[in-house]
N, C-alpha and C. Protein backbone atom coordinates (compact mmCIF):
# COMPACT_ATOMS: atom_id res chain seq x y z
N ALA A 1 166.62 134.53 131.81
CA ALA A 1 165.93 135.15 132.70
C ALA A 1 164.52 136.30 131.71
N LEU A 2 163.75 136.13 133.08
CA LEU A 2 162.51 136.67 132.58
C LEU A 2 162.92 137.63 133.90
N ALA A 3 162.48 139.02 131.95
CA ALA A 3 163.37 140.77 133.33
C ALA A 3 162.34 142.03 132.36
N SER A 4 162.81 142.94 133.60
CA SER A 4 161.73 144.04 132.59
C SER A 4 162.49 144.94 132.73
N VAL A 5 162.36 145.85 132.69
CA VAL A 5 163.19 147.80 132.25
C VAL A 5 162.26 148.67 132.89
N TRP A 6 161.39 147.93 132.07
CA TRP A 6 160.17 149.27 133.55
C TRP A 6 159.59 148.91 134.47
N TYR A 7 159.51 149.68 135.38
CA TYR A 7 158.65 149.72 136.53
C TYR A 7 157.42 148.96 136.86
N VAL A 8 157.12 148.23 137.63
CA VAL A 8 155.89 147.15 137.20
C VAL A 8 155.78 147.13 138.14
N SER A 9 154.07 147.11 138.18
CA SER A 9 153.25 146.42 139.32
C SER A 9 153.13 144.89 140.45
N ASP A 10 153.50 145.20 141.58
CA ASP A 10 154.36 144.63 142.37
C ASP A 10 152.56 142.88 142.03
N GLU A 11 151.85 143.46 142.51
CA GLU A 11 151.03 142.41 142.26
C GLU A 11 150.63 142.03 140.37
N GLY A 12 150.97 142.48 139.48
CA GLY A 12 150.56 142.06 137.84
C GLY A 12 151.39 141.20 138.20
N THR A 13 152.91 141.61 138.30
CA THR A 13 154.53 140.91 138.24
C THR A 13 153.79 139.43 138.71
N LEU A 14 152.96 139.40 140.20
CA LEU A 14 152.28 137.98 140.83
C LEU A 14 151.68 137.20 139.98
N GLY A 15 150.39 137.75 139.53
CA GLY A 15 149.98 137.63 138.29
C GLY A 15 150.75 136.63 137.02
N LEU A 16 151.58 137.59 136.62
CA LEU A 16 152.27 137.47 135.48
C LEU A 16 153.00 135.89 135.82
N MET A 17 153.50 135.86 136.73
CA MET A 17 155.31 135.18 137.26
C MET A 17 154.04 133.50 137.32
N THR A 18 152.64 133.95 137.94
CA THR A 18 152.27 132.54 138.83
C THR A 18 151.49 131.49 137.30
N GLU A 19 151.14 132.71 136.10
CA GLU A 19 150.82 132.37 134.82
C GLU A 19 152.03 131.51 134.33
N PHE A 20 153.08 132.46 133.98
CA PHE A 20 154.16 132.06 133.85
C PHE A 20 154.56 130.65 133.79
N TYR A 21 155.23 130.16 135.28
CA TYR A 21 155.43 128.74 136.01
C TYR A 21 154.32 127.96 135.59
N THR A 22 152.87 128.61 135.63
CA THR A 22 152.05 127.18 135.06
C THR A 22 151.56 126.78 133.72
N HIS A 23 152.43 127.59 132.80
CA HIS A 23 152.62 127.36 131.02
C HIS A 23 154.28 126.52 131.23
N LEU A 24 154.55 127.16 131.45
CA LEU A 24 156.11 126.44 131.60
C LEU A 24 155.88 124.54 131.73
N ASN A 25 155.21 124.39 132.72
CA ASN A 25 154.73 123.03 132.47
C ASN A 25 154.56 122.60 131.75
N ASN A 26 153.92 123.01 130.72
CA ASN A 26 153.59 122.63 129.37
C ASN A 26 154.07 123.17 127.74
N ALA A 27 154.67 124.03 128.10
CA ALA A 27 155.26 124.25 126.52
C ALA A 27 156.46 124.01 126.78
N LYS A 28 157.42 123.86 125.90
CA LYS A 28 158.94 123.48 125.34
C LYS A 28 160.21 124.54 125.84
N ILE A 29 159.33 125.73 124.96
CA ILE A 29 160.25 126.58 124.91
C ILE A 29 159.86 127.89 125.90
N LYS A 30 160.80 128.33 126.84
CA LYS A 30 159.96 129.15 127.28
C LYS A 30 160.04 130.97 126.88
N ALA A 31 160.10 130.83 125.85
CA ALA A 31 159.61 131.89 125.81
C ALA A 31 158.28 131.83 124.86
N GLU A 32 157.87 130.69 124.91
CA GLU A 32 156.55 130.52 124.83
C GLU A 32 155.05 129.83 125.65
N ALA A 33 155.90 130.04 127.11
CA ALA A 33 155.15 130.00 128.17
C ALA A 33 154.85 131.81 128.78
N LEU A 34 156.20 132.63 128.54
CA LEU A 34 156.18 133.86 128.91
C LEU A 34 155.39 134.40 127.57
N ARG A 35 154.77 134.04 126.07
CA ARG A 35 153.67 134.77 124.75
C ARG A 35 152.21 134.39 126.16
N GLN A 36 152.06 132.54 126.46
CA GLN A 36 151.04 132.81 126.96
C GLN A 36 150.69 133.03 127.87
N ALA A 37 151.39 133.45 129.16
CA ALA A 37 151.15 134.10 130.37
C ALA A 37 150.19 135.51 129.95
N GLN A 38 151.39 136.43 129.20
CA GLN A 38 150.83 136.78 128.51
C GLN A 38 149.70 137.82 127.87
N LEU A 39 149.27 136.59 127.01
CA LEU A 39 148.04 136.51 126.63
C LEU A 39 146.61 135.89 127.39
N ALA A 40 147.26 135.42 128.33
CA ALA A 40 145.81 134.84 129.45
C ALA A 40 145.69 136.38 130.03
N MET A 41 146.80 137.11 130.44
CA MET A 41 146.76 138.61 131.10
C MET A 41 145.82 139.94 130.06
N LEU A 42 146.29 139.42 129.22
CA LEU A 42 145.57 140.36 127.52
C LEU A 42 143.81 140.61 127.69
N ARG A 43 143.50 138.83 127.84
CA ARG A 43 142.23 137.95 127.65
C ARG A 43 142.02 138.89 128.78
N GLY A 44 141.99 138.89 130.15
CA GLY A 44 141.36 139.39 131.44
C GLY A 44 141.10 138.09 132.39
N GLU A 45 141.61 136.75 132.47
CA GLU A 45 141.53 135.61 132.22
C GLU A 45 142.02 135.86 133.88
N VAL A 46 143.59 136.29 134.20
CA VAL A 46 144.18 136.64 135.19
C VAL A 46 143.83 138.16 135.94
N VAL A 47 143.33 137.64 137.26
CA VAL A 47 143.00 138.84 137.73
C VAL A 47 142.64 138.49 139.92
N ILE A 48 142.84 139.75 140.08
CA ILE A 48 142.77 139.34 142.06
C ILE A 48 141.56 139.79 142.28
N ALA A 49 140.53 139.02 142.79
CA ALA A 49 139.13 139.65 143.36
C ALA A 49 138.95 138.18 144.37
N ASP A 50 138.20 139.11 145.50
CA ASP A 50 138.19 138.71 146.71
C ASP A 50 139.26 137.94 147.89
N GLY A 51 140.21 138.87 147.75
CA GLY A 51 141.81 137.96 147.98
C GLY A 51 142.37 137.10 147.52
N GLU A 52 141.55 136.82 146.19
CA GLU A 52 142.33 135.74 145.75
C GLU A 52 143.46 136.35 144.64
N LEU A 53 144.41 135.19 143.92
CA LEU A 53 144.43 135.69 142.41
C LEU A 53 143.92 133.97 141.81
N ARG A 54 143.11 134.79 140.67
CA ARG A 54 142.58 133.70 139.67
C ARG A 54 143.23 133.70 138.41
N GLY A 55 143.90 132.65 138.24
CA GLY A 55 143.97 132.49 136.87
C GLY A 55 143.40 131.38 135.60
N SER A 56 144.34 131.76 134.56
CA SER A 56 143.59 130.85 133.19
C SER A 56 143.46 128.87 133.82
N ALA A 57 144.46 128.47 134.35
CA ALA A 57 144.75 127.46 134.31
C ALA A 57 143.54 126.91 135.92
N ALA A 58 144.12 125.26 135.89
CA ALA A 58 143.04 124.66 136.67
C ALA A 58 143.52 124.29 138.10
N ARG A 59 144.69 125.44 137.96
CA ARG A 59 145.39 125.26 139.40
C ARG A 59 144.37 125.74 140.24
N GLY A 60 143.73 126.46 140.13
CA GLY A 60 142.33 126.93 141.75
C GLY A 60 143.43 128.57 141.89
N ALA A 61 142.86 129.28 142.84
CA ALA A 61 143.25 130.02 143.38
C ALA A 61 143.88 129.85 144.18
N VAL A 62 144.69 131.71 144.72
CA VAL A 62 145.48 131.18 145.54
C VAL A 62 145.31 132.88 145.94
N VAL A 63 145.24 132.21 147.96
CA VAL A 63 145.00 133.07 147.97
C VAL A 63 146.17 134.05 149.21
N LEU A 64 145.69 135.32 148.74
CA LEU A 64 146.79 135.84 148.88
C LEU A 64 146.58 136.53 150.51
N PRO A 65 147.87 136.82 150.67
CA PRO A 65 148.12 137.93 152.27
C PRO A 65 147.10 139.52 152.26
N SER A 66 147.35 139.42 152.81
CA SER A 66 145.94 140.70 153.65
C SER A 66 146.27 141.97 153.10
N ALA A 67 147.62 141.93 152.86
CA ALA A 67 148.60 143.52 152.44
C ALA A 67 148.01 143.40 150.94
N LEU A 68 148.18 142.19 150.56
CA LEU A 68 147.64 142.21 148.94
C LEU A 68 146.26 142.08 148.50
N GLY A 69 145.31 141.27 149.56
CA GLY A 69 144.15 141.54 148.69
C GLY A 69 143.02 142.68 149.25
N LYS A 70 143.91 143.42 149.65
CA LYS A 70 143.00 144.60 150.70
C LYS A 70 142.39 145.53 149.19
N PHE A 71 143.29 145.54 147.95
CA PHE A 71 142.86 146.35 146.97
C PHE A 71 141.36 146.23 145.92
N GLY A 72 141.25 144.98 146.48
CA GLY A 72 139.64 144.99 146.36
C GLY A 72 140.25 143.95 144.85
N THR A 73 139.02 143.96 143.86
CA THR A 73 139.22 143.46 142.15
C THR A 73 139.96 144.32 141.36
N GLN A 74 141.25 143.27 141.14
CA GLN A 74 142.02 143.99 140.07
C GLN A 74 141.83 143.47 138.74
N ASP A 75 141.73 144.19 137.31
CA ASP A 75 142.37 143.51 136.62
C ASP A 75 143.00 143.69 135.66
N PHE A 76 143.92 142.90 134.87
CA PHE A 76 145.68 142.82 134.24
C PHE A 76 145.93 142.78 133.02
N SER A 77 144.49 143.44 132.15
CA SER A 77 144.75 143.19 130.86
C SER A 77 145.32 144.60 130.39
N HIS A 78 145.48 145.24 131.17
CA HIS A 78 145.97 146.59 130.44
C HIS A 78 147.64 145.96 130.32
N PRO A 79 148.12 146.69 129.06
CA PRO A 79 149.21 146.07 129.02
C PRO A 79 150.33 146.78 129.88
N TYR A 80 149.94 147.75 130.60
CA TYR A 80 150.72 148.10 131.99
C TYR A 80 151.44 146.93 132.83
N TYR A 81 150.52 145.45 132.64
CA TYR A 81 151.13 145.26 134.06
C TYR A 81 151.74 143.71 133.90
N TRP A 82 151.50 143.99 132.07
CA TRP A 82 152.68 142.49 130.91
C TRP A 82 153.23 142.57 129.68
N ALA A 83 153.41 144.21 129.30
CA ALA A 83 154.08 143.93 127.89
C ALA A 83 155.60 144.55 128.48
N GLY A 84 156.32 144.74 129.90
CA GLY A 84 157.29 145.39 129.76
C GLY A 84 158.23 143.97 129.96
N PHE A 85 157.93 143.26 130.09
CA PHE A 85 158.48 141.63 130.19
C PHE A 85 159.21 141.31 129.23
N THR A 86 159.93 140.50 129.22
CA THR A 86 160.94 139.92 127.91
C THR A 86 161.82 138.68 128.91
N MET A 87 162.16 138.32 127.36
CA MET A 87 163.02 137.06 127.42
C MET A 87 164.65 137.33 127.28
N ILE A 88 165.75 137.19 128.16
CA ILE A 88 166.60 137.14 127.25
C ILE A 88 167.47 136.08 127.74
N GLY A 89 168.50 135.84 127.42
CA GLY A 89 169.60 134.71 126.99
C GLY A 89 168.87 133.36 126.16
N SER A 90 168.80 132.24 126.26
CA SER A 90 168.27 131.15 125.49
C SER A 90 166.92 131.05 125.95
N PRO A 91 166.00 131.14 124.75
CA PRO A 91 164.46 130.61 125.04
C PRO A 91 163.92 129.26 125.49
N TRP A 92 164.96 128.68 125.48
CA TRP A 92 164.74 126.90 125.36
C TRP A 92 165.10 126.82 127.09
């Protein structure tokens, strides 16, 4: 299970989970997929801009519903958005 014991941002969680599942396709270990997703966020590769969620992968941008896209540009590089998540149980 992937979980957080902190209060987390909905938009940041959307970015992290999208990156996590993108990296999960290539990683043999789930914990490595989480690490890669967190690193992508730290590097500023995951952002919301122009109503789209843009990530590090070549999957393209995800068009967001107007309720999520109304906040303008958001950068998720701050640890608040990604550091509270951890793997619980088997990392494989």
